[in-house]
C-alpha atoms as a PDB file:
ATOM      1  CA  UNK A   1       0.000   0.000   0.000  1.00  0.00           C
ATOM      2  CA  UNK A   2       1.428   3.307  -1.039  1.00  0.00           C
ATOM      3  CA  UNK A   3       1.181   6.627   0.766  1.00  0.00           C
ATOM      4  CA  UNK A   4      -1.659   7.754  -1.489  1.00  0.00           C
ATOM      5  CA  UNK A   5      -3.824   4.880  -0.323  1.00  0.00           C
ATOM      6  CA  UNK A   6      -3.360   2.714  -3.415  1.00  0.00           C
ATOM      7  CA  UNK A   7      -2.081  -0.917  -3.586  1.00  0.00           C
ATOM      8  CA  UNK A   8       0.768  -2.082  -5.770  1.00  0.00           C
ATOM      9  CA  UNK A   9       1.392  -5.787  -6.497  1.00  0.00           C
ATOM     10  CA  UNK A  10       4.997  -6.730  -6.906  1.00  0.00           C
ATOM     11  CA  UNK A  11       5.921  -9.065  -9.721  1.00  0.00           C
ATOM     12  CA  UNK A  12       8.057 -11.144  -7.376  1.00  0.00           C
ATOM     13  CA  UNK A  13       6.262 -12.774  -4.484  1.00  0.00           C
ATOM     14  CA  UNK A  14       8.232 -14.200  -1.548  1.00  0.00           C
ATOM     15  CA  UNK A  15       8.751 -17.975  -1.782  1.00  0.00           C
ATOM     16  CA  UNK A  16       6.932 -20.139   0.729  1.00  0.00           C
ATOM     17  CA  UNK A  17       9.038 -22.953   2.288  1.00  0.00           C
ATOM     18  CA  UNK A  18       7.577 -26.518   2.298  1.00  0.00           C
ATOM     19  CA  UNK A  19       6.798 -27.898   5.682  1.00  0.00           C
ATOM     20  CA  UNK A  20       9.535 -30.138   7.198  1.00  0.00           C
ATOM     21  CA  UNK A  21       7.169 -33.045   7.779  1.00  0.00           C
ATOM     22  CA  UNK A  22       6.563 -33.307   4.024  1.00  0.00           C
ATOM     23  CA  UNK A  23      10.274 -33.876   3.390  1.00  0.00           C
ATOM     24  CA  UNK A  24      10.455 -36.439   6.204  1.00  0.00           C
ATOM     25  CA  UNK A  25       7.440 -38.276   4.860  1.00  0.00           C
ATOM     26  CA  UNK A  26       8.964 -38.493   1.425  1.00  0.00           C
ATOM     27  CA  UNK A  27      12.175 -39.924   2.872  1.00  0.00           C
ATOM     28  CA  UNK A  28      10.275 -42.498   4.918  1.00  0.00           C
ATOM     29  CA  UNK A  29       8.256 -43.483   1.866  1.00  0.00           C
ATOM     30  CA  UNK A  30      11.429 -43.945  -0.152  1.00  0.00           C
ATOM     31  CA  UNK A  31      12.933 -46.111   2.596  1.00  0.00           C
ATOM     32  CA  UNK A  32       9.775 -48.184   2.825  1.00  0.00           C
ATOM     33  CA  UNK A  33       9.773 -48.708  -0.913  1.00  0.00           C
ATOM     34  CA  UNK A  34      13.408 -49.814  -0.812  1.00  0.00           C
ATOM     35  CA  UNK A  35      12.727 -52.179   2.088  1.00  0.00           C
ATOM     36  CA  UNK A  36       9.742 -53.593   0.223  1.00  0.00           C
ATOM     37  CA  UNK A  37      11.818 -54.106  -2.901  1.00  0.00           C
ATOM     38  CA  UNK A  38      14.570 -55.851  -0.924  1.00  0.00           C
ATOM     39  CA  UNK A  39      12.040 -58.003   0.913  1.00  0.00           C
ATOM     40  CA  UNK A  40      10.317 -58.818  -2.346  1.00  0.00           C
ATOM     41  CA  UNK A  41      13.658 -59.766  -3.941  1.00  0.00           C
ATOM     42  CA  UNK A  42      14.486 -61.913  -0.910  1.00  0.00           C
ATOM     43  CA  UNK A  43      11.248 -63.839  -1.224  1.00  0.00           C
ATOM     44  CA  UNK A  44      11.574 -64.296  -4.983  1.00  0.00           C
ATOM     45  CA  UNK A  45      14.915 -66.123  -4.929  1.00  0.00           C
ATOM     46  CA  UNK A  46      16.126 -69.150  -3.014  1.00  0.00           C
ATOM     47  CA  UNK A  47      19.324 -71.212  -2.961  1.00  0.00           C
ATOM     48  CA  UNK A  48      19.661 -75.000  -2.971  1.00  0.00           C
ATOM     49  CA  UNK A  49      23.018 -76.580  -2.062  1.00  0.00           C
ATOM     50  CA  UNK A  50      24.539 -79.657  -3.681  1.00  0.00           C
ATOM     51  CA  UNK A  51      23.191 -82.057  -1.055  1.00  0.00           C
ATOM     52  CA  UNK A  52      19.590 -80.931  -1.393  1.00  0.00           C
ATOM     53  CA  UNK A  53      16.604 -80.796  -3.672  1.00  0.00           C
ATOM     54  CA  UNK A  54      13.794 -78.273  -3.313  1.00  0.00           C
ATOM     55  CA  UNK A  55      10.102 -79.024  -3.750  1.00  0.00           C
ATOM     56  CA  UNK A  56       8.166 -76.006  -5.078  1.00  0.00           C
ATOM     57  CA  UNK A  57       4.430 -75.725  -4.387  1.00  0.00           C
ATOM     58  CA  UNK A  58       2.081 -73.217  -6.022  1.00  0.00           C
ATOM     59  CA  UNK A  59      -1.000 -72.560  -3.901  1.00  0.00           C
ATOM     60  CA  UNK A  60      -0.216 -75.787  -2.043  1.00  0.00           C
ATOM     61  CA  UNK A  61       0.201 -77.978  -5.133  1.00  0.00           C
ATOM     62  CA  UNK A  62       3.563 -79.435  -6.114  1.00  0.00           C
ATOM     63  CA  UNK A  63       4.651 -77.817  -9.360  1.00  0.00           C
ATOM     64  CA  UNK A  64       8.420 -78.333  -9.528  1.00  0.00           C
ATOM     65  CA  UNK A  65      11.491 -80.039  -8.014  1.00  0.00           C
ATOM     66  CA  UNK A  66      14.735 -78.079  -8.354  1.00  0.00           C
ATOM     67  CA  UNK A  67      18.354 -79.095  -7.915  1.00  0.00           C
ATOM     68  CA  UNK A  68      21.375 -77.207  -6.592  1.00  0.00           C
ATOM     69  CA  UNK A  69      21.673 -73.554  -7.529  1.00  0.00           C
ATOM     70  CA  UNK A  70      19.801 -70.200  -7.289  1.00  0.00           C
ATOM     71  CA  UNK A  71      16.165 -70.280  -8.394  1.00  0.00           C
ATOM     72  CA  UNK A  72      13.220 -67.884  -8.725  1.00  0.00           C
ATOM     73  CA  UNK A  73       9.780 -68.260  -7.170  1.00  0.00           C
ATOM     74  CA  UNK A  74       6.663 -66.149  -6.953  1.00  0.00           C
ATOM     75  CA  UNK A  75       6.428 -63.984  -3.820  1.00  0.00           C
ATOM     76  CA  UNK A  76       3.718 -63.320  -1.229  1.00  0.00           C
ATOM     77  CA  UNK A  77       3.201 -66.994  -0.461  1.00  0.00           C
ATOM     78  CA  UNK A  78       2.051 -67.816  -3.976  1.00  0.00           C
ATOM     79  CA  UNK A  79       4.886 -70.322  -4.215  1.00  0.00           C
ATOM     80  CA  UNK A  80       6.585 -72.027  -1.273  1.00  0.00           C
ATOM     81  CA  UNK A  81       9.824 -74.024  -1.199  1.00  0.00           C
ATOM     82  CA  UNK A  82      10.667 -77.024   0.981  1.00  0.00           C
ATOM     83  CA  UNK A  83      14.305 -78.132   0.929  1.00  0.00           C
ATOM     84  CA  UNK A  84      15.119 -81.812   1.476  1.00  0.00           C
ATOM     85  CA  UNK A  85      18.528 -83.448   2.078  1.00  0.00           C
ATOM     86  CA  UNK A  86      18.578 -86.124  -0.618  1.00  0.00           C
ATOM     87  CA  UNK A  87      22.341 -86.738  -0.975  1.00  0.00           C
ATOM     88  CA  UNK A  88      22.962 -87.358   2.710  1.00  0.00           C
ATOM     89  CA  UNK A  89      23.263 -90.795   4.311  1.00  0.00           C
ATOM     90  CA  UNK A  90      21.170 -90.920   7.459  1.00  0.00           C
ATOM     91  CA  UNK A  91      21.189 -93.564  10.170  1.00  0.00           C
ATOM     92  CA  UNK A  92      18.876 -95.515  12.434  1.00  0.00           C
ATOM     93  CA  UNK A  93      20.191 -97.266  15.541  1.00  0.00           C
ATOM     94  CA  UNK A  94      18.191-100.229  16.822  1.00  0.00           C
ATOM     95  CA  UNK A  95      18.957-101.588  20.271  1.00  0.00           C
ATOM     96  CA  UNK A  96      21.202 -98.723  21.288  1.00  0.00           C
ATOM     97  CA  UNK A  97      21.583 -94.958  20.987  1.00  0.00           C
ATOM     98  CA  UNK A  98      24.975 -93.242  20.599  1.00  0.00           C
ATOM     99  CA  UNK A  99      25.775 -89.603  21.244  1.00  0.00           C
ATOM    100  CA  UNK A 100      29.457 -89.440  20.263  1.00  0.00           C
ATOM    101  CA  UNK A 101      30.737 -90.000  23.800  1.00  0.00           C
ATOM    102  CA  UNK A 102      29.110 -93.366  24.432  1.00  0.00           C
ATOM    103  CA  UNK A 103      25.897 -95.262  23.906  1.00  0.00           C
ATOM    104  CA  UNK A 104      22.819 -96.305  25.831  1.00  0.00           C
ATOM    105  CA  UNK A 105      21.344 -99.790  25.528  1.00  0.00           C
ATOM    106  CA  UNK A 106      17.684-100.171  24.591  1.00  0.00           C
ATOM    107  CA  UNK A 107      16.797-103.743  25.563  1.00  0.00           C
ATOM    108  CA  UNK A 108      13.218-103.407  24.371  1.00  0.00           C
ATOM    109  CA  UNK A 109      14.575-103.163  20.811  1.00  0.00           C
ATOM    110  CA  UNK A 110      17.594-105.473  21.064  1.00  0.00           C
ATOM    111  CA  UNK A 111      16.126-108.481  22.927  1.00  0.00           C
ATOM    112  CA  UNK A 112      14.826-111.131  20.497  1.00  0.00           C
ATOM    113  CA  UNK A 113      13.958-114.838  20.374  1.00  0.00           C
ATOM    114  CA  UNK A 114      15.690-117.067  17.837  1.00  0.00           C
ATOM    115  CA  UNK A 115      14.172-119.916  15.881  1.00  0.00           C
ATOM    116  CA  UNK A 116      15.452-122.477  18.410  1.00  0.00           C
ATOM    117  CA  UNK A 117      13.861-120.561  21.338  1.00  0.00           C
ATOM    118  CA  UNK A 118      16.977-118.859  22.643  1.00  0.00           C
ATOM    119  CA  UNK A 119      17.123-115.241  23.762  1.00  0.00           C
ATOM    120  CA  UNK A 120      19.726-112.962  22.205  1.00  0.00           C
ATOM    121  CA  UNK A 121      20.502-109.259  22.215  1.00  0.00           C
ATOM    122  CA  UNK A 122      21.098-107.941  18.713  1.00  0.00           C
ATOM    123  CA  UNK A 123      21.924-104.321  17.818  1.00  0.00           C
ATOM    124  CA  UNK A 124      21.459-103.084  14.258  1.00  0.00           C
ATOM    125  CA  UNK A 125      22.908-100.088  12.442  1.00  0.00           C
ATOM    126  CA  UNK A 126      20.897 -98.954   9.412  1.00  0.00           C
ATOM    127  CA  UNK A 127      21.773 -96.431   6.708  1.00  0.00           C
ATOM    128  CA  UNK A 128      19.175 -94.888   4.418  1.00  0.00           C
ATOM    129  CA  UNK A 129      18.683 -91.853   2.193  1.00  0.00           C
ATOM    130  CA  UNK A 130      15.819 -89.888   0.681  1.00  0.00           C
ATOM    131  CA  UNK A 131      15.239 -90.973  -2.892  1.00  0.00           C
ATOM    132  CA  UNK A 132      12.071 -89.006  -3.736  1.00  0.00           C
ATOM    133  CA  UNK A 133      11.580 -85.660  -1.954  1.00  0.00           C
ATOM    134  CA  UNK A 134       7.947 -85.304  -3.054  1.00  0.00           C
ATOM    135  CA  UNK A 135       6.941 -88.715  -1.704  1.00  0.00           C
ATOM    136  CA  UNK A 136       9.008 -88.100   1.412  1.00  0.00           C
ATOM    137  CA  UNK A 137       7.175 -84.841   2.187  1.00  0.00           C
ATOM    138  CA  UNK A 138       3.622 -85.675   1.196  1.00  0.00           C
ATOM    139  CA  UNK A 139       3.085 -89.466   1.058  1.00  0.00           C
ATOM    140  CA  UNK A 140       3.305 -90.093   4.799  1.00  0.00           C
ATOM    141  CA  UNK A 141       3.254 -88.191   8.045  1.00  0.00           C
ATOM    142  CA  UNK A 142       6.520 -89.552   9.488  1.00  0.00           C
ATOM    143  CA  UNK A 143       8.501 -91.672   7.001  1.00  0.00           C
ATOM    144  CA  UNK A 144      11.473 -92.171   9.381  1.00  0.00           C
ATOM    145  CA  UNK A 145       9.204 -93.720  12.011  1.00  0.00           C
ATOM    146  CA  UNK A 146       7.624 -95.958   9.388  1.00  0.00           C
ATOM    147  CA  UNK A 147      11.075 -97.141   8.270  1.00  0.00           C
ATOM    148  CA  UNK A 148      12.189 -97.746  11.845  1.00  0.00           C
ATOM    149  CA  UNK A 149       9.109 -99.841  12.674  1.00  0.00           C
ATOM    150  CA  UNK A 150       9.455-101.730   9.393  1.00  0.00           C
ATOM    151  CA  UNK A 151      13.093-102.612  10.085  1.00  0.00           C
ATOM    152  CA  UNK A 152      12.273-103.753  13.623  1.00  0.00           C
ATOM    153  CA  UNK A 153       9.517-105.992  12.296  1.00  0.00           C
ATOM    154  CA  UNK A 154      11.682-107.626   9.621  1.00  0.00           C
ATOM    155  CA  UNK A 155      14.667-107.994  11.964  1.00  0.00           C
ATOM    156  CA  UNK A 156      12.560-109.936  14.445  1.00  0.00           C
ATOM    157  CA  UNK A 157      11.103-111.956  11.584  1.00  0.00           C
ATOM    158  CA  UNK A 158      14.533-113.011  10.251  1.00  0.00           C
ATOM    159  CA  UNK A 159      16.129-113.571  13.671  1.00  0.00           C
ATOM    160  CA  UNK A 160      13.068-115.560  14.744  1.00  0.00           C
ATOM    161  CA  UNK A 161      13.664-117.977  11.863  1.00  0.00           C
ATOM    162  CA  UNK A 162      17.424-118.365  12.492  1.00  0.00           C
ATOM    163  CA  UNK A 163      19.335-120.459  14.997  1.00  0.00           C
ATOM    164  CA  UNK A 164      21.197-118.925  17.897  1.00  0.00           C
ATOM    165  CA  UNK A 165      24.512-120.134  16.442  1.00  0.00           C
ATOM    166  CA  UNK A 166      23.797-118.329  13.169  1.00  0.00           C
ATOM    167  CA  UNK A 167      22.882-115.108  14.970  1.00  0.00           C
ATOM    168  CA  UNK A 168      25.962-115.122  17.192  1.00  0.00           C
ATOM    169  CA  UNK A 169      28.615-116.601  14.890  1.00  0.00           C
ATOM    170  CA  UNK A 170      28.647-117.322  11.173  1.00  0.00           C
ATOM    171  CA  UNK A 171      25.133-116.397  10.038  1.00  0.00           C
ATOM    172  CA  UNK A 172      25.266-112.621  10.464  1.00  0.00           C
ATOM    173  CA  UNK A 173      25.893-111.795   6.820  1.00  0.00           C
ATOM    174  CA  UNK A 174      22.969-113.918   5.705  1.00  0.00           C
ATOM    175  CA  UNK A 175      20.680-112.266   8.281  1.00  0.00           C
ATOM    176  CA  UNK A 176      21.747-108.788   7.125  1.00  0.00           C
ATOM    177  CA  UNK A 177      21.100-109.720   3.510  1.00  0.00           C
ATOM    178  CA  UNK A 178      17.633-111.103   4.239  1.00  0.00           C
ATOM    179  CA  UNK A 179      16.615-108.044   6.280  1.00  0.00           C
ATOM    180  CA  UNK A 180      17.784-105.674   3.557  1.00  0.00           C
ATOM    181  CA  UNK A 181      15.935-107.561   0.808  1.00  0.00           C
ATOM    182  CA  UNK A 182      12.675-107.714   2.761  1.00  0.00           C
ATOM    183  CA  UNK A 183      12.739-104.059   3.816  1.00  0.00           C
ATOM    184  CA  UNK A 184      13.651-102.889   0.300  1.00  0.00           C
ATOM    185  CA  UNK A 185      10.766-104.838  -1.198  1.00  0.00           C
ATOM    186  CA  UNK A 186       8.244-103.383   1.273  1.00  0.00           C
ATOM    187  CA  UNK A 187       9.582 -99.832   0.826  1.00  0.00           C
ATOM    188  CA  UNK A 188       8.857-100.107  -2.884  1.00  0.00           C
ATOM    189  CA  UNK A 189       5.252-100.935  -2.043  1.00  0.00           C
ATOM    190  CA  UNK A 190       4.888 -98.172   0.546  1.00  0.00           C
ATOM    191  CA  UNK A 191       6.544 -95.542  -1.704  1.00  0.00           C
ATOM    192  CA  UNK A 192       7.433 -93.136   1.100  1.00  0.00           C
ATOM    193  CA  UNK A 193      10.461 -91.671  -0.663  1.00  0.00           C
ATOM    194  CA  UNK A 194      13.139 -93.546   1.308  1.00  0.00           C
ATOM    195  CA  UNK A 195      15.773 -96.001   0.084  1.00  0.00           C
ATOM    196  CA  UNK A 196      17.572 -98.480   2.321  1.00  0.00           C
ATOM    197  CA  UNK A 197      21.336 -98.342   1.787  1.00  0.00           C
ATOM    198  CA  UNK A 198      22.774-100.860   4.249  1.00  0.00           C
ATOM    199  CA  UNK A 199      21.920-103.001   7.279  1.00  0.00           C
ATOM    200  CA  UNK A 200      24.650-104.109   9.678  1.00  0.00           C
ATOM    201  CA  UNK A 201      24.571-106.148  12.875  1.00  0.00           C
ATOM    202  CA  UNK A 202      26.439-103.907  15.267  1.00  0.00           C
ATOM    203  CA  UNK A 203      26.584-106.441  18.092  1.00  0.00           C
ATOM    204  CA  UNK A 204      25.031-109.792  18.941  1.00  0.00           C
ATOM    205  CA  UNK A 205      25.387-111.584  22.258  1.00  0.00           C
ATOM    206  CA  UNK A 206      23.404-113.820  24.611  1.00  0.00           C
ATOM    207  CA  UNK A 207      21.899-112.244  27.716  1.00  0.00           C
ATOM    208  CA  UNK A 208      23.858-114.247  30.353  1.00  0.00           C
ATOM    209  CA  UNK A 209      27.573-114.079  31.174  1.00  0.00           C
ATOM    210  CA  UNK A 210      28.109-117.856  31.072  1.00  0.00           C
ATOM    211  CA  UNK A 211      26.679-118.165  27.596  1.00  0.00           C
ATOM    212  CA  UNK A 212      28.659-115.144  26.460  1.00  0.00           C
ATOM    213  CA  UNK A 213      31.898-116.781  27.618  1.00  0.00           C
ATOM    214  CA  UNK A 214      30.974-120.040  25.907  1.00  0.00           C
ATOM    215  CA  UNK A 215      30.319-118.327  22.596  1.00  0.00           C
ATOM    216  CA  UNK A 216      33.502-116.305  22.947  1.00  0.00           C
ATOM    217  CA  UNK A 217      35.386-119.583  23.370  1.00  0.00           C
ATOM    218  CA  UNK A 218      33.741-120.895  20.201  1.00  0.00           C
ATOM    219  CA  UNK A 219      34.695-117.767  18.296  1.00  0.00           C
ATOM    220  CA  UNK A 220      38.267-118.027  19.595  1.00  0.00           C
ATOM    221  CA  UNK A 221      38.474-121.648  18.457  1.00  0.00           C
ATOM    222  CA  UNK A 222      37.183-120.711  15.010  1.00  0.00           C
ATOM    223  CA  UNK A 223      39.708-117.925  14.718  1.00  0.00           C
ATOM    224  CA  UNK A 224      42.502-120.271  15.739  1.00  0.00           C
ATOM    225  CA  UNK A 225      41.304-122.808  13.183  1.00  0.00           C
ATOM    226  CA  UNK A 226      41.314-120.120  10.501  1.00  0.00           C
ATOM    227  CA  UNK A 227      44.822-119.117  11.583  1.00  0.00           C
ATOM    228  CA  UNK A 228      46.059-122.711  11.283  1.00  0.00           C
ATOM    229  CA  UNK A 229      44.406-123.056   7.884  1.00  0.00           C
ATOM    230  CA  UNK A 230      45.992-119.826   6.692  1.00  0.00           C
ATOM    231  CA  UNK A 231      49.404-120.972   7.976  1.00  0.00           C
ATOM    232  CA  UNK A 232      48.976-124.293   6.171  1.00  0.00           C
ATOM    233  CA  UNK A 233      48.052-122.502   2.961  1.00  0.00           C
ATOM    234  CA  UNK A 234      51.069-120.241   3.331  1.00  0.00           C
ATOM    235  CA  UNK A 235      53.320-123.293   3.822  1.00  0.00           C
ATOM    236  CA  UNK A 236      51.679-124.956   0.840  1.00  0.00           C
ATOM    237  CA  UNK A 237      52.276-121.888  -1.314  1.00  0.00           C
ATOM    238  CA  UNK A 238      55.902-121.807  -0.180  1.00  0.00           C
ATOM    239  CA  UNK A 239      56.552-125.525  -0.802  1.00  0.00           C
ATOM    240  CA  UNK A 240      54.673-125.986  -4.050  1.00  0.00           C
ATOM    241  CA  UNK A 241      57.183-124.119  -6.259  1.00  0.00           C
ATOM    242  CA  UNK A 242      60.088-126.112  -4.787  1.00  0.00           C
ATOM    243  CA  UNK A 243      58.236-129.404  -5.214  1.00  0.00           C
ATOM    244  CA  UNK A 244      57.284-128.437  -8.741  1.00  0.00           C
ATOM    245  CA  UNK A 245      60.905-127.645  -9.534  1.00  0.00           C
ATOM    246  CA  UNK A 246      62.024-131.019  -8.153  1.00  0.00           C
ATOM    247  CA  UNK A 247      59.316-132.768 -10.137  1.00  0.00           C
ATOM    248  CA  UNK A 248      60.411-130.993 -13.302  1.00  0.00           C
ATOM    249  CA  UNK A 249      64.011-132.011 -12.646  1.00  0.00           C
ATOM    250  CA  UNK A 250      63.009-135.650 -12.109  1.00  0.00           C
ATOM    251  CA  UNK A 251      60.957-135.610 -15.286  1.00  0.00           C
ATOM    252  CA  UNK A 252      63.881-134.158 -17.236  1.00  0.00           C
ATOM    253  CA  UNK A 253      66.269-136.753 -15.780  1.00  0.00           C
ATOM    254  CA  UNK A 254      63.837-139.539 -16.600  1.00  0.00           C
ATOM    255  CA  UNK A 255      63.492-138.247 -20.137  1.00  0.00           C
ATOM    256  CA  UNK A 256      67.277-138.126 -20.463  1.00  0.00           C
ATOM    257  CA  UNK A 257      67.667-141.688 -19.148  1.00  0.00           C
ATOM    258  CA  UNK A 258      64.883-142.873 -21.414  1.00  0.00           C
ATOM    259  CA  UNK A 259      66.551-141.371 -24.458  1.00  0.00           C
ATOM    260  CA  UNK A 260      69.909-142.761 -23.349  1.00  0.00           C
ATOM    261  CA  UNK A 261      68.482-146.275 -22.996  1.00  0.00           C
ATOM    262  CA  UNK A 262      66.843-145.960 -26.380  1.00  0.00           C
ATOM    263  CA  UNK A 263      70.138-144.909 -27.912  1.00  0.00           C
ATOM    264  CA  UNK A 264      71.927-147.799 -26.232  1.00  0.00           C
ATOM    265  CA  UNK A 265      69.276-150.202 -27.487  1.00  0.00           C
ATOM    266  CA  UNK A 266      69.680-148.878 -31.024  1.00  0.00           C
ATOM    267  CA  UNK A 267      73.441-149.290 -30.695  1.00  0.00           C
ATOM    268  CA  UNK A 268      73.119-152.862 -29.472  1.00  0.00           C
ATOM    269  CA  UNK A 269      70.685-153.663 -32.248  1.00  0.00           C
ATOM    270  CA  UNK A 270      73.128-152.253 -34.787  1.00  0.00           C
ATOM    271  CA  UNK A 271      75.962-154.291 -33.271  1.00  0.00           C
ATOM    272  CA  UNK A 272      73.850-157.425 -33.280  1.00  0.00           C
ATOM    273  CA  UNK A 273      72.833-156.887 -36.872  1.00  0.00           C
ATOM    274  CA  UNK A 274      76.446-156.357 -37.876  1.00  0.00           C
ATOM    275  CA  UNK A 275      77.500-159.477 -35.956  1.00  0.00           C
ATOM    276  CA  UNK A 276      74.727-161.459 -37.516  1.00  0.00           C
ATOM    277  CA  UNK A 277      75.844-160.387 -40.964  1.00  0.00           C
ATOM    278  CA  UNK A 278      79.353-161.659 -40.202  1.00  0.00           C
ATOM    279  CA  UNK A 279      77.952-164.828 -38.704  1.00  0.00           C
ATOM    280  CA  UNK A 280      75.890-165.466 -41.812  1.00  0.00           C
ATOM    281  CA  UNK A 281      79.040-165.241 -43.922  1.00  0.00           C
ATOM    282  CA  UNK A 282      81.312-167.446 -41.674  1.00  0.00           C
ATOM    283  CA  UNK A 283      79.284-169.212 -39.015  1.00  0.00           C
ATOM    284  CA  UNK A 284      82.107-171.375 -37.598  1.00  0.00           C
ATOM    285  CA  UNK A 285      84.687-168.666 -37.252  1.00  0.00           C
ATOM    286  CA  UNK A 286      82.223-166.156 -35.878  1.00  0.00           C
ATOM    287  CA  UNK A 287      80.896-168.669 -33.367  1.00  0.00           C
ATOM    288  CA  UNK A 288      84.429-169.465 -32.116  1.00  0.00           C
ATOM    289  CA  UNK A 289      85.234-165.774 -31.874  1.00  0.00           C
ATOM    290  CA  UNK A 290      82.091-165.074 -29.897  1.00  0.00           C
ATOM    291  CA  UNK A 291      82.958-167.962 -27.561  1.00  0.00           C
ATOM    292  CA  UNK A 292      86.483-166.710 -26.922  1.00  0.00           C
ATOM    293  CA  UNK A 293      85.258-163.152 -26.351  1.00  0.00           C
ATOM    294  CA  UNK A 294      82.656-164.383 -23.875  1.00  0.00           C
ATOM    295  CA  UNK A 295      85.328-166.408 -21.976  1.00  0.00           C
ATOM    296  CA  UNK A 296      87.591-163.347 -21.886  1.00  0.00           C
ATOM    297  CA  UNK A 297      84.795-161.192 -20.474  1.00  0.00           C
ATOM    298  CA  UNK A 298      83.674-163.760 -17.895  1.00  0.00           C
ATOM    299  CA  UNK A 299      87.212-164.807 -16.825  1.00  0.00           C
ATOM    300  CA  UNK A 300      89.438-161.872 -17.602  1.00  0.00           C
ATOM    301  CA  UNK A 301      92.464-163.278 -15.673  1.00  0.00           C
ATOM    302  CA  UNK A 302      92.542-166.753 -17.266  1.00  0.00           C
ATOM    303  CA  UNK A 303      95.197-167.695 -19.785  1.00  0.00           C
ATOM    304  CA  UNK A 304      93.733-168.992 -22.966  1.00  0.00           C
ATOM    305  CA  UNK A 305      95.140-172.078 -24.745  1.00  0.00           C
ATOM    306  CA  UNK A 306      94.101-173.292 -28.173  1.00  0.00           C
ATOM    307  CA  UNK A 307      94.071-176.996 -28.810  1.00  0.00           C
ATOM    308  CA  UNK A 308      95.156-177.637 -32.342  1.00  0.00           C
ATOM    309  CA  UNK A 309      94.976-181.429 -32.117  1.00  0.00           C
ATOM    310  CA  UNK A 310      92.691-183.476 -34.208  1.00  0.00           C
ATOM    311  CA  UNK A 311      91.358-185.448 -31.266  1.00  0.00           C
ATOM    312  CA  UNK A 312      93.052-188.784 -32.220  1.00  0.00           C
ATOM    313  CA  UNK A 313      95.762-188.660 -29.657  1.00  0.00           C
ATOM    314  CA  UNK A 314      97.573-185.925 -31.545  1.00  0.00           C
ATOM    315  CA  UNK A 315      98.089-183.286 -28.896  1.00  0.00           C
ATOM    316  CA  UNK A 316      99.844-180.675 -30.860  1.00  0.00           C
ATOM    317  CA  UNK A 317      99.270-177.433 -29.017  1.00  0.00           C
ATOM    318  CA  UNK A 318     100.357-173.861 -29.347  1.00  0.00           C
ATOM    319  CA  UNK A 319     100.916-172.643 -25.808  1.00  0.00           C
ATOM    320  CA  UNK A 320     100.098-169.995 -24.890  1.00  0.00           C
ATOM    321  CA  UNK A 321      98.530-167.221 -26.946  1.00  0.00           C
ATOM    322  CA  UNK A 322     100.682-164.646 -25.118  1.00  0.00           C
ATOM    323  CA  UNK A 323     104.186-163.791 -26.273  1.00  0.00           C
ATOM    324  CA  UNK A 324     106.268-166.984 -26.552  1.00  0.00           C
ATOM    325  CA  UNK A 325     109.127-165.516 -24.619  1.00  0.00           C
ATOM    326  CA  UNK A 326     108.812-163.960 -21.246  1.00  0.00           C
ATOM    327  CA  UNK A 327     111.433-162.668 -19.028  1.00  0.00           C
ATOM    328  CA  UNK A 328     111.450-164.948 -16.008  1.00  0.00           C
ATOM    329  CA  UNK A 329     112.024-163.341 -12.662  1.00  0.00           C
ATOM    330  CA  UNK A 330     115.483-163.941 -11.296  1.00  0.00           C
ATOM    331  CA  UNK A 331     115.893-165.484  -7.853  1.00  0.00           C
ATOM    332  CA  UNK A 332     119.389-165.302  -6.572  1.00  0.00           C
ATOM    333  CA  UNK A 333     120.823-165.408 -10.053  1.00  0.00           C
ATOM    334  CA  UNK A 334     119.088-168.793 -10.946  1.00  0.00           C
ATOM    335  CA  UNK A 335     117.508-169.275 -14.306  1.00  0.00           C
END
C-alpha cells in the first residue's frame, strides 16, 4: 500500500518454504519402498546346495522339483519351497543310541527270540537316504518312524527264523542280507520316498555271562582254526614251487635216461645186426670168436690155450697165446 492509499502488487512474491514433515514423509516413503523391494527380492529367490533338492508348491500344489543352484519363485506366499537333504546318508540305531561319547542300551529293541527258542541281544545299524523328496514330504506323516518300525519288524522276523549259532557266529551276513531284501521290497510298495542303503549287525550276544563266555570260546576256536588253515596254505604256497621244480628235474632226468636207454638199445641192435651179418658169412669162425670173447669177459684173468689137435691122440698145441718168450724173474741169479 502506497502513501496515497493505493495498492501495488509486486511481480516477485516471496517464496513459501515446504513444511519439514513433508520432506520427512517423502524420505520415509522412499525407505519403505526400498525395504519392500529388498524383501520382495528376498522372497523371490532361493538357494539349494549340492546335497539338497527343493520341492516347489504353487498354492499348495507341487509344481516343480529343483536341484542345486539359485532359483526364482513367486512372492507373497504364492509359491513355497521345501528343501530336502537327498544326498545325505542318514542312520537308524536299533537296540542302542549313541551320542558321540558313548551309547545307551535299549533292551526293548535289542532283545529277540531265535528260531530255536533262545534269547539274544542284537543291535542293528541302518543307513538310508531320501530318494524321492515329493513322496518323502507328502506321502506319509513320518517316514522315518515308518522305516524304523518296518526294520524292527523284519529284523525280528529273520532272527526268529534263524538259529542262535547263526545269529551269534557265522550267520550274520545272511541275516543282514535277508533283512535288507525284505525291507527294500516293502519300501517299494509303501513308496514313502526312502531307500535303504545298508543293514549291519552292530553287536550280537546272549543275555547271560556264562553263555557269552561259551560263545567267545567258540569264536576263539574258530579264529585259531582259521589261523592254522591260513598258515597251512602259506606253507603250501611256499613248498609248491620247490616241489614243482624237483618234479620238473626228475621228469627231465627220466626223459634223459629214457633217451639214453633208447640210444643204447639202437646201438646194441646195430651191433647185433652187424654181428649177424658176419655170422651169416662165416658161421664157424664167428661162433668161435664169440665164444672166446665171452670167456675173456667172464674170466678176464685166465690164460687162454688153443688146442690144435685133431682129437686122435695128436696133442699138438700152441701154448700160450701170449708172447712166446717172457722174461722170467730172477731169484738169486738162478735161471
